[in-house]
PDB file of N, CA and C in Angstrom:
ATOM      1  N   MET A   1     205.557 166.258  19.395  1.00  0.00           N
ATOM      2  CA  MET A   1     205.514 165.183  20.386  1.00  0.00           C
ATOM      3  C   MET A   1     204.060 165.008  20.819  1.00  0.00           C
ATOM      4  N   LYS A   2     203.663 163.770  20.993  1.00  0.00           N
ATOM      5  CA  LYS A   2     202.302 163.480  21.417  1.00  0.00           C
ATOM      6  C   LYS A   2     202.081 163.950  22.848  1.00  0.00           C
ATOM      7  N   LYS A   3     200.825 164.330  23.137  1.00  0.00           N
ATOM      8  CA  LYS A   3     200.491 164.811  24.485  1.00  0.00           C
ATOM      9  C   LYS A   3     200.763 163.743  25.537  1.00  0.00           C
ATOM     10  N   LYS A   4     200.446 162.490  25.215  1.00  0.00           N
ATOM     11  CA  LYS A   4     200.622 161.401  26.178  1.00  0.00           C
ATOM     12  C   LYS A   4     202.104 161.236  26.532  1.00  0.00           C
ATOM     13  N   ALA A   5     202.975 161.272  25.514  1.00  0.00           N
ATOM     14  CA  ALA A   5     204.419 161.139  25.753  1.00  0.00           C
ATOM     15  C   ALA A   5     204.936 162.322  26.559  1.00  0.00           C
ATOM     16  N   LYS A   6     204.464 163.514  26.203  1.00  0.00           N
ATOM     17  CA  LYS A   6     204.907 164.699  26.930  1.00  0.00           C
ATOM     18  C   LYS A   6     204.469 164.623  28.392  1.00  0.00           C
ATOM     19  N   GLY A   7     203.265 164.146  28.641  1.00  0.00           N
ATOM     20  CA  GLY A   7     202.771 163.991  30.006  1.00  0.00           C
ATOM     21  C   GLY A   7     203.613 163.011  30.804  1.00  0.00           C
ATOM     22  N   LYS A   8     204.005 161.904  30.165  1.00  0.00           N
ATOM     23  CA  LYS A   8     204.839 160.905  30.841  1.00  0.00           C
ATOM     24  C   LYS A   8     206.218 161.475  31.147  1.00  0.00           C
ATOM     25  N   ILE A   9     206.771 162.225  30.218  1.00  0.00           N
ATOM     26  CA  ILE A   9     208.080 162.844  30.429  1.00  0.00           C
ATOM     27  C   ILE A   9     208.007 163.817  31.605  1.00  0.00           C
ATOM     28  N   GLU A  10     206.943 164.604  31.662  1.00  0.00           N
ATOM     29  CA  GLU A  10     206.783 165.538  32.773  1.00  0.00           C
ATOM     30  C   GLU A  10     206.636 164.804  34.103  1.00  0.00           C
ATOM     31  N   MET A  11     205.925 163.664  34.088  1.00  0.00           N
ATOM     32  CA  MET A  11     205.784 162.871  35.315  1.00  0.00           C
ATOM     33  C   MET A  11     207.129 162.320  35.753  1.00  0.00           C
ATOM     34  N   ILE A  12     207.937 161.844  34.809  1.00  0.00           N
ATOM     35  CA  ILE A  12     209.267 161.312  35.129  1.00  0.00           C
ATOM     36  C   ILE A  12     210.153 162.418  35.694  1.00  0.00           C
ATOM     37  N   SER A  13     210.157 163.562  35.036  1.00  0.00           N
ATOM     38  CA  SER A  13     210.966 164.687  35.511  1.00  0.00           C
ATOM     39  C   SER A  13     210.544 165.106  36.907  1.00  0.00           C
ATOM     40  N   SER A  14     209.249 165.172  37.129  1.00  0.00           N
ATOM     41  CA  SER A  14     208.737 165.562  38.444  1.00  0.00           C
ATOM     42  C   SER A  14     209.138 164.544  39.509  1.00  0.00           C
ATOM     43  N   GLY A  15     208.988 163.261  39.194  1.00  0.00           N
ATOM     44  CA  GLY A  15     209.368 162.208  40.143  1.00  0.00           C
ATOM     45  C   GLY A  15     210.843 162.238  40.473  1.00  0.00           C
ATOM     46  N   LEU A  16     211.668 162.465  39.456  1.00  0.00           N
ATOM     47  CA  LEU A  16     213.107 162.546  39.688  1.00  0.00           C
ATOM     48  C   LEU A  16     213.461 163.746  40.546  1.00  0.00           C
ATOM     49  N   ASN A  17     212.796 164.861  40.321  1.00  0.00           N
ATOM     50  CA  ASN A  17     213.053 166.049  41.141  1.00  0.00           C
ATOM     51  C   ASN A  17     212.631 165.818  42.582  1.00  0.00           C
ATOM     52  N   GLU A  18     211.539 165.070  42.793  1.00  0.00           N
ATOM     53  CA  GLU A  18     211.093 164.778  44.148  1.00  0.00           C
ATOM     54  C   GLU A  18     212.095 163.901  44.902  1.00  0.00           C
ATOM     55  N   LEU A  19     212.907 163.149  44.187  1.00  0.00           N
ATOM     56  CA  LEU A  19     213.928 162.306  44.822  1.00  0.00           C
ATOM     57  C   LEU A  19     215.121 163.101  45.326  1.00  0.00           C
ATOM     58  N   GLU A  20     215.335 164.269  44.775  1.00  0.00           N
ATOM     59  CA  GLU A  20     216.553 165.026  45.082  1.00  0.00           C
ATOM     60  C   GLU A  20     216.696 165.325  46.567  1.00  0.00           C
ATOM     61  N   THR A  21     215.665 165.839  47.211  1.00  0.00           N
ATOM     62  CA  THR A  21     215.783 166.224  48.620  1.00  0.00           C
ATOM     63  C   THR A  21     216.050 165.027  49.527  1.00  0.00           C
ATOM     64  N   PRO A  22     215.279 163.925  49.432  1.00  0.00           N
ATOM     65  CA  PRO A  22     215.582 162.798  50.317  1.00  0.00           C
ATOM     66  C   PRO A  22     216.956 162.176  50.051  1.00  0.00           C
ATOM     67  N   ILE A  23     217.377 162.156  48.793  1.00  0.00           N
ATOM     68  CA  ILE A  23     218.703 161.608  48.482  1.00  0.00           C
ATOM     69  C   ILE A  23     219.778 162.494  49.101  1.00  0.00           C
ATOM     70  N   ARG A  24     219.628 163.805  48.957  1.00  0.00           N
ATOM     71  CA  ARG A  24     220.612 164.735  49.520  1.00  0.00           C
ATOM     72  C   ARG A  24     220.641 164.632  51.043  1.00  0.00           C
ATOM     73  N   GLN A  25     219.463 164.524  51.678  1.00  0.00           N
ATOM     74  CA  GLN A  25     219.401 164.409  53.130  1.00  0.00           C
ATOM     75  C   GLN A  25     220.078 163.125  53.604  1.00  0.00           C
ATOM     76  N   ALA A  26     219.816 162.018  52.923  1.00  0.00           N
ATOM     77  CA  ALA A  26     220.432 160.739  53.300  1.00  0.00           C
ATOM     78  C   ALA A  26     221.945 160.804  53.144  1.00  0.00           C
ATOM     79  N   CYS A  27     222.399 161.415  52.080  1.00  0.00           N
ATOM     80  CA  CYS A  27     223.838 161.542  51.854  1.00  0.00           C
ATOM     81  C   CYS A  27     224.474 162.411  52.940  1.00  0.00           C
ATOM     82  N   ASN A  28     223.822 163.506  53.285  1.00  0.00           N
ATOM     83  CA  ASN A  28     224.355 164.382  54.334  1.00  0.00           C
ATOM     84  C   ASN A  28     224.408 163.663  55.678  1.00  0.00           C
ATOM     85  N   LEU A  29     223.387 162.852  55.988  1.00  0.00           N
ATOM     86  CA  LEU A  29     223.400 162.091  57.235  1.00  0.00           C
ATOM     87  C   LEU A  29     224.540 161.078  57.254  1.00  0.00           C
ATOM     88  N   ALA A  30     224.746 160.377  56.144  1.00  0.00           N
ATOM     89  CA  ALA A  30     225.836 159.406  56.077  1.00  0.00           C
ATOM     90  C   ALA A  30     227.188 160.096  56.229  1.00  0.00           C
ATOM     91  N   LYS A  31     227.331 161.260  55.617  1.00  0.00           N
ATOM     92  CA  LYS A  31     228.583 162.016  55.758  1.00  0.00           C
ATOM     93  C   LYS A  31     228.769 162.485  57.202  1.00  0.00           C
ATOM     94  N   ALA A  32     227.665 162.864  57.856  1.00  0.00           N
ATOM     95  CA  ALA A  32     227.745 163.281  59.260  1.00  0.00           C
ATOM     96  C   ALA A  32     228.186 162.114  60.136  1.00  0.00           C
ATOM     97  N   ILE A  33     227.695 160.920  59.849  1.00  0.00           N
ATOM     98  CA  ILE A  33     228.110 159.726  60.601  1.00  0.00           C
ATOM     99  C   ILE A  33     229.608 159.511  60.433  1.00  0.00           C
ATOM    100  N   ARG A  34     230.092 159.632  59.203  1.00  0.00           N
ATOM    101  CA  ARG A  34     231.533 159.469  58.970  1.00  0.00           C
ATOM    102  C   ARG A  34     232.322 160.482  59.780  1.00  0.00           C
ATOM    103  N   MET A  35     231.869 161.721  59.820  1.00  0.00           N
ATOM    104  CA  MET A  35     232.589 162.762  60.560  1.00  0.00           C
ATOM    105  C   MET A  35     232.555 162.474  62.058  1.00  0.00           C
ATOM    106  N   MET A  36     231.406 162.025  62.587  1.00  0.00           N
ATOM    107  CA  MET A  36     231.306 161.718  64.011  1.00  0.00           C
ATOM    108  C   MET A  36     232.223 160.556  64.373  1.00  0.00           C
ATOM    109  N   LEU A  37     232.374 159.617  63.456  1.00  0.00           N
ATOM    110  CA  LEU A  37     233.201 158.454  63.729  1.00  0.00           C
ATOM    111  C   LEU A  37     234.686 158.776  63.737  1.00  0.00           C
ATOM    112  N   SER A  38     235.036 159.904  63.167  1.00  0.00           N
ATOM    113  CA  SER A  38     236.449 160.287  63.186  1.00  0.00           C
ATOM    114  C   SER A  38     236.841 160.892  64.528  1.00  0.00           C
ATOM    115  N   SER A  39     235.877 161.038  65.432  1.00  0.00           N
ATOM    116  CA  SER A  39     236.127 161.581  66.760  1.00  0.00           C
ATOM    117  C   SER A  39     236.970 160.610  67.588  1.00  0.00           C
ATOM    118  N   ASP A  40     237.793 161.137  68.470  1.00  0.00           N
ATOM    119  CA  ASP A  40     238.622 160.310  69.343  1.00  0.00           C
ATOM    120  C   ASP A  40     237.795 159.601  70.410  1.00  0.00           C
ATOM    121  N   ASP A  41     236.558 160.043  70.636  1.00  0.00           N
ATOM    122  CA  ASP A  41     235.694 159.451  71.651  1.00  0.00           C
ATOM    123  C   ASP A  41     235.074 158.123  71.226  1.00  0.00           C
ATOM    124  N   MET A  42     235.081 157.813  69.943  1.00  0.00           N
ATOM    125  CA  MET A  42     234.461 156.587  69.440  1.00  0.00           C
ATOM    126  C   MET A  42     235.441 155.421  69.582  1.00  0.00           C
ATOM    127  N   PRO A  43     234.999 154.314  70.226  1.00  0.00           N
ATOM    128  CA  PRO A  43     235.859 153.130  70.303  1.00  0.00           C
ATOM    129  C   PRO A  43     236.217 152.643  68.893  1.00  0.00           C
ATOM    130  N   ALA A  44     237.451 152.279  68.684  1.00  0.00           N
ATOM    131  CA  ALA A  44     237.954 151.934  67.350  1.00  0.00           C
ATOM    132  C   ALA A  44     237.158 150.807  66.687  1.00  0.00           C
ATOM    133  N   GLU A  45     236.844 149.739  67.433  1.00  0.00           N
ATOM    134  CA  GLU A  45     236.155 148.595  66.838  1.00  0.00           C
ATOM    135  C   GLU A  45     234.761 148.990  66.343  1.00  0.00           C
ATOM    136  N   GLU A  46     234.029 149.717  67.170  1.00  0.00           N
ATOM    137  CA  GLU A  46     232.682 150.144  66.781  1.00  0.00           C
ATOM    138  C   GLU A  46     232.750 151.134  65.628  1.00  0.00           C
ATOM    139  N   GLY A  47     233.688 152.035  65.707  1.00  0.00           N
ATOM    140  CA  GLY A  47     233.816 153.076  64.693  1.00  0.00           C
ATOM    141  C   GLY A  47     234.121 152.538  63.316  1.00  0.00           C
ATOM    142  N   GLU A  48     234.982 151.526  63.245  1.00  0.00           N
ATOM    143  CA  GLU A  48     235.369 150.986  61.938  1.00  0.00           C
ATOM    144  C   GLU A  48     234.184 150.372  61.207  1.00  0.00           C
ATOM    145  N   GLY A  49     233.363 149.617  61.930  1.00  0.00           N
ATOM    146  CA  GLY A  49     232.202 148.987  61.309  1.00  0.00           C
ATOM    147  C   GLY A  49     231.180 150.005  60.848  1.00  0.00           C
ATOM    148  N   ILE A  50     230.900 150.968  61.707  1.00  0.00           N
ATOM    149  CA  ILE A  50     229.921 151.997  61.362  1.00  0.00           C
ATOM    150  C   ILE A  50     230.456 152.868  60.228  1.00  0.00           C
ATOM    151  N   PHE A  51     231.748 153.169  60.255  1.00  0.00           N
ATOM    152  CA  PHE A  51     232.350 153.965  59.189  1.00  0.00           C
ATOM    153  C   PHE A  51     232.203 153.252  57.852  1.00  0.00           C
ATOM    154  N   GLY A  52     232.403 151.944  57.845  1.00  0.00           N
ATOM    155  CA  GLY A  52     232.261 151.170  56.606  1.00  0.00           C
ATOM    156  C   GLY A  52     230.846 151.258  56.054  1.00  0.00           C
ATOM    157  N   VAL A  53     229.864 151.164  56.936  1.00  0.00           N
ATOM    158  CA  VAL A  53     228.466 151.270  56.513  1.00  0.00           C
ATOM    159  C   VAL A  53     228.183 152.674  55.973  1.00  0.00           C
ATOM    160  N   ALA A  54     228.620 153.687  56.699  1.00  0.00           N
ATOM    161  CA  ALA A  54     228.398 155.065  56.264  1.00  0.00           C
ATOM    162  C   ALA A  54     229.084 155.335  54.932  1.00  0.00           C
ATOM    163  N   ASP A  55     230.287 154.828  54.764  1.00  0.00           N
ATOM    164  CA  ASP A  55     231.033 155.020  53.528  1.00  0.00           C
ATOM    165  C   ASP A  55     230.306 154.356  52.360  1.00  0.00           C
ATOM    166  N   ALA A  56     229.808 153.135  52.579  1.00  0.00           N
ATOM    167  CA  ALA A  56     229.057 152.437  51.535  1.00  0.00           C
ATOM    168  C   ALA A  56     227.776 153.198  51.183  1.00  0.00           C
ATOM    169  N   LEU A  57     227.107 153.754  52.202  1.00  0.00           N
ATOM    170  CA  LEU A  57     225.896 154.546  51.958  1.00  0.00           C
ATOM    171  C   LEU A  57     226.201 155.779  51.119  1.00  0.00           C
ATOM    172  N   VAL A  58     227.266 156.468  51.442  1.00  0.00           N
ATOM    173  CA  VAL A  58     227.635 157.661  50.687  1.00  0.00           C
ATOM    174  C   VAL A  58     227.881 157.299  49.222  1.00  0.00           C
ATOM    175  N   GLU A  59     228.624 156.234  48.974  1.00  0.00           N
ATOM    176  CA  GLU A  59     228.902 155.819  47.600  1.00  0.00           C
ATOM    177  C   GLU A  59     227.619 155.454  46.860  1.00  0.00           C
ATOM    178  N   LEU A  60     226.733 154.706  47.501  1.00  0.00           N
ATOM    179  CA  LEU A  60     225.478 154.303  46.888  1.00  0.00           C
ATOM    180  C   LEU A  60     224.599 155.508  46.590  1.00  0.00           C
ATOM    181  N   ILE A  61     224.497 156.410  47.544  1.00  0.00           N
ATOM    182  CA  ILE A  61     223.642 157.591  47.369  1.00  0.00           C
ATOM    183  C   ILE A  61     224.202 158.498  46.281  1.00  0.00           C
ATOM    184  N   GLU A  62     225.512 158.656  46.231  1.00  0.00           N
ATOM    185  CA  GLU A  62     226.106 159.479  45.175  1.00  0.00           C
ATOM    186  C   GLU A  62     225.852 158.859  43.800  1.00  0.00           C
ATOM    187  N   CYS A  63     225.873 157.536  43.721  1.00  0.00           N
ATOM    188  CA  CYS A  63     225.557 156.838  42.476  1.00  0.00           C
ATOM    189  C   CYS A  63     224.095 157.095  42.094  1.00  0.00           C
ATOM    190  N   LEU A  64     223.193 157.054  43.073  1.00  0.00           N
ATOM    191  CA  LEU A  64     221.779 157.341  42.816  1.00  0.00           C
ATOM    192  C   LEU A  64     221.591 158.777  42.342  1.00  0.00           C
ATOM    193  N   GLN A  65     222.348 159.703  42.921  1.00  0.00           N
ATOM    194  CA  GLN A  65     222.261 161.100  42.493  1.00  0.00           C
ATOM    195  C   GLN A  65     222.681 161.236  41.030  1.00  0.00           C
ATOM    196  N   GLU A  66     223.747 160.557  40.646  1.00  0.00           N
ATOM    197  CA  GLU A  66     224.215 160.613  39.262  1.00  0.00           C
ATOM    198  C   GLU A  66     223.176 160.025  38.316  1.00  0.00           C
ATOM    199  N   THR A  67     222.585 158.893  38.706  1.00  0.00           N
ATOM    200  CA  THR A  67     221.565 158.253  37.878  1.00  0.00           C
ATOM    201  C   THR A  67     220.349 159.155  37.736  1.00  0.00           C
ATOM    202  N   ARG A  68     219.919 159.775  38.841  1.00  0.00           N
ATOM    203  CA  ARG A  68     218.788 160.699  38.802  1.00  0.00           C
ATOM    204  C   ARG A  68     219.072 161.845  37.843  1.00  0.00           C
ATOM    205  N   CYS A  69     220.269 162.374  37.902  1.00  0.00           N
ATOM    206  CA  CYS A  69     220.655 163.485  37.039  1.00  0.00           C
ATOM    207  C   CYS A  69     220.664 163.054  35.566  1.00  0.00           C
ATOM    208  N   GLU A  70     221.212 161.883  35.273  1.00  0.00           N
ATOM    209  CA  GLU A  70     221.253 161.377  33.903  1.00  0.00           C
ATOM    210  C   GLU A  70     219.836 161.166  33.358  1.00  0.00           C
ATOM    211  N   LEU A  71     218.952 160.602  34.182  1.00  0.00           N
ATOM    212  CA  LEU A  71     217.578 160.386  33.749  1.00  0.00           C
ATOM    213  C   LEU A  71     216.855 161.707  33.523  1.00  0.00           C
ATOM    214  N   TRP A  72     217.113 162.685  34.382  1.00  0.00           N
ATOM    215  CA  TRP A  72     216.484 163.988  34.221  1.00  0.00           C
ATOM    216  C   TRP A  72     216.922 164.621  32.908  1.00  0.00           C
ATOM    217  N   HIS A  73     218.227 164.531  32.603  1.00  0.00           N
ATOM    218  CA  HIS A  73     218.730 165.091  31.349  1.00  0.00           C
ATOM    219  C   HIS A  73     218.159 164.353  30.150  1.00  0.00           C
ATOM    220  N   LEU A  74     218.036 163.043  30.244  1.00  0.00           N
ATOM    221  CA  LEU A  74     217.469 162.251  29.158  1.00  0.00           C
ATOM    222  C   LEU A  74     216.022 162.659  28.906  1.00  0.00           C
ATOM    223  N   ALA A  75     215.236 162.786  29.969  1.00  0.00           N
ATOM    224  CA  ALA A  75     213.841 163.210  29.826  1.00  0.00           C
ATOM    225  C   ALA A  75     213.772 164.611  29.226  1.00  0.00           C
ATOM    226  N   SER A  76     214.674 165.481  29.648  1.00  0.00           N
ATOM    227  CA  SER A  76     214.704 166.842  29.126  1.00  0.00           C
ATOM    228  C   SER A  76     215.068 166.850  27.648  1.00  0.00           C
ATOM    229  N   ASP A  77     216.043 166.030  27.261  1.00  0.00           N
ATOM    230  CA  ASP A  77     216.440 165.932  25.853  1.00  0.00           C
ATOM    231  C   ASP A  77     215.287 165.442  25.001  1.00  0.00           C
ATOM    232  N   VAL A  78     214.578 164.413  25.453  1.00  0.00           N
ATOM    233  CA  VAL A  78     213.461 163.865  24.696  1.00  0.00           C
ATOM    234  C   VAL A  78     212.351 164.911  24.576  1.00  0.00           C
ATOM    235  N   GLU A  79     212.080 165.593  25.685  1.00  0.00           N
ATOM    236  CA  GLU A  79     211.029 166.613  25.692  1.00  0.00           C
ATOM    237  C   GLU A  79     211.339 167.727  24.708  1.00  0.00           C
ATOM    238  N   ASN A  80     212.627 168.051  24.590  1.00  0.00           N
ATOM    239  CA  ASN A  80     213.055 169.142  23.689  1.00  0.00           C
ATOM    240  C   ASN A  80     213.294 168.667  22.276  1.00  0.00           C
ATOM    241  N   GLY A  81     212.981 167.399  21.986  1.00  0.00           N
ATOM    242  CA  GLY A  81     213.107 166.880  20.634  1.00  0.00           C
ATOM    243  C   GLY A  81     214.466 166.332  20.296  1.00  0.00           C
ATOM    244  N   GLY A  82     215.358 166.230  21.291  1.00  0.00           N
ATOM    245  CA  GLY A  82     216.703 165.721  21.027  1.00  0.00           C
ATOM    246  C   GLY A  82     216.771 164.227  20.885  1.00  0.00           C
ATOM    247  N   GLY A  83     215.788 163.519  21.393  1.00  0.00           N
ATOM    248  CA  GLY A  83     215.758 162.068  21.238  1.00  0.00           C
ATOM    249  C   GLY A  83     216.593 161.314  22.223  1.00  0.00           C
ATOM    250  N   GLY A  84     217.408 161.982  23.025  1.00  0.00           N
ATOM    251  CA  GLY A  84     218.209 161.288  24.033  1.00  0.00           C
ATOM    252  C   GLY A  84     219.417 160.612  23.442  1.00  0.00           C
ATOM    253  N   ALA A  85     220.113 159.817  24.286  1.00  0.00           N
ATOM    254  CA  ALA A  85     221.336 159.134  23.861  1.00  0.00           C
ATOM    255  C   ALA A  85     220.991 157.955  22.977  1.00  0.00           C
ATOM    256  N   SER A  86     221.891 157.623  22.068  1.00  0.00           N
ATOM    257  CA  SER A  86     221.684 156.481  21.175  1.00  0.00           C
ATOM    258  C   SER A  86     222.446 155.284  21.676  1.00  0.00           C
TER     259      SER A  86
END
C-alpha cells in the first residue's frame, strides 16, 4: 500500500475514533432526557413533545454510531489489504 493511502486511512480511522466520545455522550444525554420525561412530575403535554425529540435524537445518534463503526471497519480492511466491501 502506498504511504499516502496509508496516511489517509490512518487519518480517517483517527477521525472516526474521535467521534466516538461525543456521539456516546450525546446519546447518553438523550436517553437521560427520555428517562426524566417518564417521571410523574412532568406535565403530559410538555413531556410528549420533548420525549419525541429525545427519541428521534437517540435513533439518529445510534445510526451515526453504526455508520462510524462500518467506516472504521472499512478503513481497517483496506489498511490490512482486504480491499473493503465490493
